[in-house]
C-alpha atoms as a PDB file:
ATOM      1  CA  UNK A   1     -19.126 -12.255  17.489  1.00  0.00           C
ATOM      2  CA  UNK A   2     -18.892 -12.306  13.705  1.00  0.00           C
ATOM      3  CA  UNK A   3     -18.668 -15.921  12.685  1.00  0.00           C
ATOM      4  CA  UNK A   4     -18.298 -15.175   8.999  1.00  0.00           C
ATOM      5  CA  UNK A   5     -15.167 -13.842   7.438  1.00  0.00           C
ATOM      6  CA  UNK A   6     -14.905 -12.064   4.088  1.00  0.00           C
ATOM      7  CA  UNK A   7     -11.348 -13.334   3.783  1.00  0.00           C
ATOM      8  CA  UNK A   8     -10.367 -16.961   4.076  1.00  0.00           C
ATOM      9  CA  UNK A   9      -7.004 -17.405   5.771  1.00  0.00           C
ATOM     10  CA  UNK A  10      -4.570 -20.298   5.672  1.00  0.00           C
ATOM     11  CA  UNK A  11      -3.916 -20.772   9.380  1.00  0.00           C
ATOM     12  CA  UNK A  12      -1.227 -22.847  11.099  1.00  0.00           C
ATOM     13  CA  UNK A  13      -2.205 -23.971  14.598  1.00  0.00           C
ATOM     14  CA  UNK A  14      -0.044 -25.469  17.298  1.00  0.00           C
ATOM     15  CA  UNK A  15       0.183 -26.034  21.032  1.00  0.00           C
ATOM     16  CA  UNK A  16       2.143 -27.782  23.696  1.00  0.00           C
ATOM     17  CA  UNK A  17       0.469 -30.270  26.038  1.00  0.00           C
ATOM     18  CA  UNK A  18      -0.857 -27.451  28.268  1.00  0.00           C
ATOM     19  CA  UNK A  19      -2.685 -25.907  25.304  1.00  0.00           C
ATOM     20  CA  UNK A  20      -3.796 -29.058  23.533  1.00  0.00           C
ATOM     21  CA  UNK A  21      -7.518 -28.817  24.363  1.00  0.00           C
ATOM     22  CA  UNK A  22      -7.922 -25.193  23.246  1.00  0.00           C
ATOM     23  CA  UNK A  23      -5.852 -25.850  20.136  1.00  0.00           C
ATOM     24  CA  UNK A  24      -8.212 -28.629  19.107  1.00  0.00           C
ATOM     25  CA  UNK A  25     -11.257 -26.443  19.769  1.00  0.00           C
ATOM     26  CA  UNK A  26      -9.736 -23.454  17.966  1.00  0.00           C
ATOM     27  CA  UNK A  27      -8.873 -25.536  14.907  1.00  0.00           C
ATOM     28  CA  UNK A  28     -12.471 -26.784  14.756  1.00  0.00           C
ATOM     29  CA  UNK A  29     -13.832 -23.268  15.194  1.00  0.00           C
ATOM     30  CA  UNK A  30     -11.578 -21.826  12.501  1.00  0.00           C
ATOM     31  CA  UNK A  31     -12.711 -24.526  10.085  1.00  0.00           C
ATOM     32  CA  UNK A  32     -16.349 -23.726  10.934  1.00  0.00           C
ATOM     33  CA  UNK A  33     -15.612 -20.102  10.108  1.00  0.00           C
ATOM     34  CA  UNK A  34     -14.354 -21.221   6.684  1.00  0.00           C
ATOM     35  CA  UNK A  35     -10.590 -21.011   7.118  1.00  0.00           C
ATOM     36  CA  UNK A  36      -8.028 -23.545   5.916  1.00  0.00           C
ATOM     37  CA  UNK A  37      -6.312 -24.996   8.982  1.00  0.00           C
ATOM     38  CA  UNK A  38      -3.186 -27.114   9.344  1.00  0.00           C
ATOM     39  CA  UNK A  39      -2.249 -28.608  12.698  1.00  0.00           C
ATOM     40  CA  UNK A  40       1.431 -28.532  13.662  1.00  0.00           C
ATOM     41  CA  UNK A  41       0.925 -30.451  16.905  1.00  0.00           C
ATOM     42  CA  UNK A  42       1.029 -31.518  19.578  1.00  0.00           C
ATOM     43  CA  UNK A  43      -1.515 -34.263  19.123  1.00  0.00           C
ATOM     44  CA  UNK A  44      -2.098 -35.288  22.756  1.00  0.00           C
ATOM     45  CA  UNK A  45      -1.633 -34.122  26.332  1.00  0.00           C
ATOM     46  CA  UNK A  46       1.677 -35.984  26.616  1.00  0.00           C
ATOM     47  CA  UNK A  47       4.426 -33.522  27.614  1.00  0.00           C
ATOM     48  CA  UNK A  48       6.313 -31.845  24.755  1.00  0.00           C
ATOM     49  CA  UNK A  49       8.698 -28.908  24.523  1.00  0.00           C
ATOM     50  CA  UNK A  50       6.783 -25.754  23.537  1.00  0.00           C
ATOM     51  CA  UNK A  51       9.731 -24.153  21.673  1.00  0.00           C
ATOM     52  CA  UNK A  52       9.603 -26.832  18.988  1.00  0.00           C
ATOM     53  CA  UNK A  53       5.928 -26.146  18.279  1.00  0.00           C
ATOM     54  CA  UNK A  54       6.450 -22.374  18.365  1.00  0.00           C
ATOM     55  CA  UNK A  55       9.341 -22.634  15.911  1.00  0.00           C
ATOM     56  CA  UNK A  56       7.304 -24.793  13.497  1.00  0.00           C
ATOM     57  CA  UNK A  57       4.334 -22.437  13.384  1.00  0.00           C
ATOM     58  CA  UNK A  58       6.626 -19.384  13.272  1.00  0.00           C
ATOM     59  CA  UNK A  59       8.477 -20.807  10.276  1.00  0.00           C
ATOM     60  CA  UNK A  60       5.252 -21.790   8.504  1.00  0.00           C
ATOM     61  CA  UNK A  61       3.834 -18.274   8.826  1.00  0.00           C
ATOM     62  CA  UNK A  62       7.074 -16.359   8.200  1.00  0.00           C
ATOM     63  CA  UNK A  63       7.704 -18.368   5.024  1.00  0.00           C
ATOM     64  CA  UNK A  64       4.352 -17.267   3.591  1.00  0.00           C
ATOM     65  CA  UNK A  65       3.018 -20.811   3.423  1.00  0.00           C
ATOM     66  CA  UNK A  66       0.354 -19.698   5.932  1.00  0.00           C
ATOM     67  CA  UNK A  67      -1.295 -16.293   6.335  1.00  0.00           C
ATOM     68  CA  UNK A  68      -1.677 -16.481  10.102  1.00  0.00           C
ATOM     69  CA  UNK A  69      -0.843 -18.677  13.063  1.00  0.00           C
ATOM     70  CA  UNK A  70      -2.546 -19.580  16.328  1.00  0.00           C
ATOM     71  CA  UNK A  71      -0.497 -20.959  19.218  1.00  0.00           C
ATOM     72  CA  UNK A  72      -1.570 -22.118  22.675  1.00  0.00           C
ATOM     73  CA  UNK A  73       0.359 -23.056  25.790  1.00  0.00           C
ATOM     74  CA  UNK A  74      -0.344 -22.782  29.489  1.00  0.00           C
ATOM     75  CA  UNK A  75       0.560 -19.084  29.779  1.00  0.00           C
ATOM     76  CA  UNK A  76       0.990 -17.977  26.110  1.00  0.00           C
ATOM     77  CA  UNK A  77       4.363 -16.525  27.026  1.00  0.00           C
ATOM     78  CA  UNK A  78       6.857 -19.275  26.244  1.00  0.00           C
ATOM     79  CA  UNK A  79       5.302 -20.317  22.961  1.00  0.00           C
ATOM     80  CA  UNK A  80       5.198 -16.650  21.839  1.00  0.00           C
ATOM     81  CA  UNK A  81       8.878 -16.259  22.719  1.00  0.00           C
ATOM     82  CA  UNK A  82       9.680 -19.335  20.648  1.00  0.00           C
ATOM     83  CA  UNK A  83       7.711 -18.173  17.600  1.00  0.00           C
ATOM     84  CA  UNK A  84       9.285 -14.725  17.811  1.00  0.00           C
ATOM     85  CA  UNK A  85      12.743 -16.275  17.403  1.00  0.00           C
ATOM     86  CA  UNK A  86      11.780 -16.854  13.751  1.00  0.00           C
ATOM     87  CA  UNK A  87      12.550 -13.866  11.554  1.00  0.00           C
ATOM     88  CA  UNK A  88       9.299 -12.562  10.087  1.00  0.00           C
ATOM     89  CA  UNK A  89       7.099 -14.118  12.763  1.00  0.00           C
ATOM     90  CA  UNK A  90       5.324 -11.560  14.917  1.00  0.00           C
ATOM     91  CA  UNK A  91       3.625 -13.482  17.719  1.00  0.00           C
ATOM     92  CA  UNK A  92       1.499 -11.664  20.271  1.00  0.00           C
ATOM     93  CA  UNK A  93       0.316 -13.173  23.559  1.00  0.00           C
ATOM     94  CA  UNK A  94      -3.255 -11.917  23.919  1.00  0.00           C
ATOM     95  CA  UNK A  95      -5.772 -12.202  26.783  1.00  0.00           C
ATOM     96  CA  UNK A  96      -8.408  -9.594  25.904  1.00  0.00           C
ATOM     97  CA  UNK A  97      -9.912  -8.076  22.724  1.00  0.00           C
ATOM     98  CA  UNK A  98      -8.264  -4.644  22.789  1.00  0.00           C
ATOM     99  CA  UNK A  99      -4.779  -6.193  22.759  1.00  0.00           C
ATOM    100  CA  UNK A 100      -5.899  -8.516  19.966  1.00  0.00           C
ATOM    101  CA  UNK A 101      -6.975  -5.479  17.933  1.00  0.00           C
ATOM    102  CA  UNK A 102      -3.804  -3.492  18.630  1.00  0.00           C
ATOM    103  CA  UNK A 103      -1.584  -6.488  17.870  1.00  0.00           C
ATOM    104  CA  UNK A 104      -2.947  -6.363  14.320  1.00  0.00           C
ATOM    105  CA  UNK A 105      -3.409  -2.593  13.864  1.00  0.00           C
ATOM    106  CA  UNK A 106      -0.043  -1.472  15.215  1.00  0.00           C
ATOM    107  CA  UNK A 107       2.188  -4.551  15.138  1.00  0.00           C
ATOM    108  CA  UNK A 108       0.756  -6.558  12.233  1.00  0.00           C
ATOM    109  CA  UNK A 109       0.924  -9.673  14.407  1.00  0.00           C
ATOM    110  CA  UNK A 110       0.717 -12.711  12.171  1.00  0.00           C
ATOM    111  CA  UNK A 111       0.517 -15.164  15.087  1.00  0.00           C
ATOM    112  CA  UNK A 112      -1.773 -14.914  18.099  1.00  0.00           C
ATOM    113  CA  UNK A 113      -0.906 -16.801  21.284  1.00  0.00           C
ATOM    114  CA  UNK A 114      -3.356 -17.902  23.956  1.00  0.00           C
ATOM    115  CA  UNK A 115      -3.052 -19.135  27.551  1.00  0.00           C
ATOM    116  CA  UNK A 116      -5.229 -22.175  28.196  1.00  0.00           C
ATOM    117  CA  UNK A 117      -4.506 -22.107  31.935  1.00  0.00           C
ATOM    118  CA  UNK A 118      -5.263 -18.397  32.392  1.00  0.00           C
ATOM    119  CA  UNK A 119      -7.962 -17.273  29.947  1.00  0.00           C
ATOM    120  CA  UNK A 120     -11.492 -18.606  29.597  1.00  0.00           C
ATOM    121  CA  UNK A 121     -12.765 -20.111  26.366  1.00  0.00           C
ATOM    122  CA  UNK A 122     -15.317 -17.369  25.606  1.00  0.00           C
ATOM    123  CA  UNK A 123     -12.644 -14.670  25.900  1.00  0.00           C
ATOM    124  CA  UNK A 124     -10.306 -16.633  23.637  1.00  0.00           C
ATOM    125  CA  UNK A 125     -13.014 -16.871  20.968  1.00  0.00           C
ATOM    126  CA  UNK A 126     -13.734 -13.137  21.190  1.00  0.00           C
ATOM    127  CA  UNK A 127     -10.032 -12.294  20.911  1.00  0.00           C
ATOM    128  CA  UNK A 128      -9.601 -14.577  17.916  1.00  0.00           C
ATOM    129  CA  UNK A 129     -12.608 -13.058  16.152  1.00  0.00           C
ATOM    130  CA  UNK A 130     -11.330  -9.505  16.699  1.00  0.00           C
ATOM    131  CA  UNK A 131      -7.812 -10.463  15.599  1.00  0.00           C
ATOM    132  CA  UNK A 132      -8.970 -12.121  12.394  1.00  0.00           C
ATOM    133  CA  UNK A 133     -11.087  -9.121  11.411  1.00  0.00           C
ATOM    134  CA  UNK A 134      -8.542  -6.388  12.127  1.00  0.00           C
ATOM    135  CA  UNK A 135      -6.155  -5.083   9.489  1.00  0.00           C
ATOM    136  CA  UNK A 136      -2.856  -3.318   9.988  1.00  0.00           C
ATOM    137  CA  UNK A 137      -3.008   0.467   9.859  1.00  0.00           C
ATOM    138  CA  UNK A 138       0.175   1.069   7.885  1.00  0.00           C
ATOM    139  CA  UNK A 139       1.867   4.472   8.123  1.00  0.00           C
ATOM    140  CA  UNK A 140       4.231   4.808  11.058  1.00  0.00           C
ATOM    141  CA  UNK A 141       3.288   1.305  12.145  1.00  0.00           C
ATOM    142  CA  UNK A 142       4.412  -0.231   8.834  1.00  0.00           C
ATOM    143  CA  UNK A 143       7.868   1.326   9.241  1.00  0.00           C
ATOM    144  CA  UNK A 144       8.173  -0.113  12.741  1.00  0.00           C
ATOM    145  CA  UNK A 145       7.002  -3.543  11.648  1.00  0.00           C
ATOM    146  CA  UNK A 146       9.670  -3.455   8.925  1.00  0.00           C
ATOM    147  CA  UNK A 147      12.237  -2.660  11.587  1.00  0.00           C
ATOM    148  CA  UNK A 148      11.139  -5.749  13.516  1.00  0.00           C
ATOM    149  CA  UNK A 149      11.328  -7.952  10.435  1.00  0.00           C
ATOM    150  CA  UNK A 150      14.675  -6.567   9.256  1.00  0.00           C
ATOM    151  CA  UNK A 151      16.478  -6.722  12.593  1.00  0.00           C
ATOM    152  CA  UNK A 152      19.804  -8.494  12.290  1.00  0.00           C
ATOM    153  CA  UNK A 153      21.636  -9.102  15.565  1.00  0.00           C
ATOM    154  CA  UNK A 154      24.924  -9.285  13.637  1.00  0.00           C
ATOM    155  CA  UNK A 155      24.495  -5.752  12.290  1.00  0.00           C
ATOM    156  CA  UNK A 156      25.419  -2.685  14.315  1.00  0.00           C
ATOM    157  CA  UNK A 157      23.181  -0.384  12.207  1.00  0.00           C
ATOM    158  CA  UNK A 158      20.299  -0.599  14.698  1.00  0.00           C
ATOM    159  CA  UNK A 159      22.406   0.504  17.660  1.00  0.00           C
END
């Protein structure tokens, strides 16, 4: 694992109650690696609604206030769905390093989502490291990412 990063990112982190522990550990790790981290909650294991956290981090990243986002819930699925409701947020649920790499290379994912209940800590750290050090490839992928970002459900042009 490469614990140094040539680029310092502004990273928004968030989790529901089922991802609280990993979120805390990930925020600490990211700070150790030299990144600027802001915590969007939750701040305990008391039950909260994951969509609200996913929306907050999605908005923070999509607005450009933050370069990247890290979200955690029990499965990574619901919180990714919530973040992806925000135009310009591209949240990828990831459980192994190859998907982490592809989420950046092909999809320019700006938010990575982890499953505290399903994926071990060491794997999460490896995925995060790969994701932070992978750039988007551009080319045909850039066009497709633009299509994701420009999608308007009110428009019939995409049909």
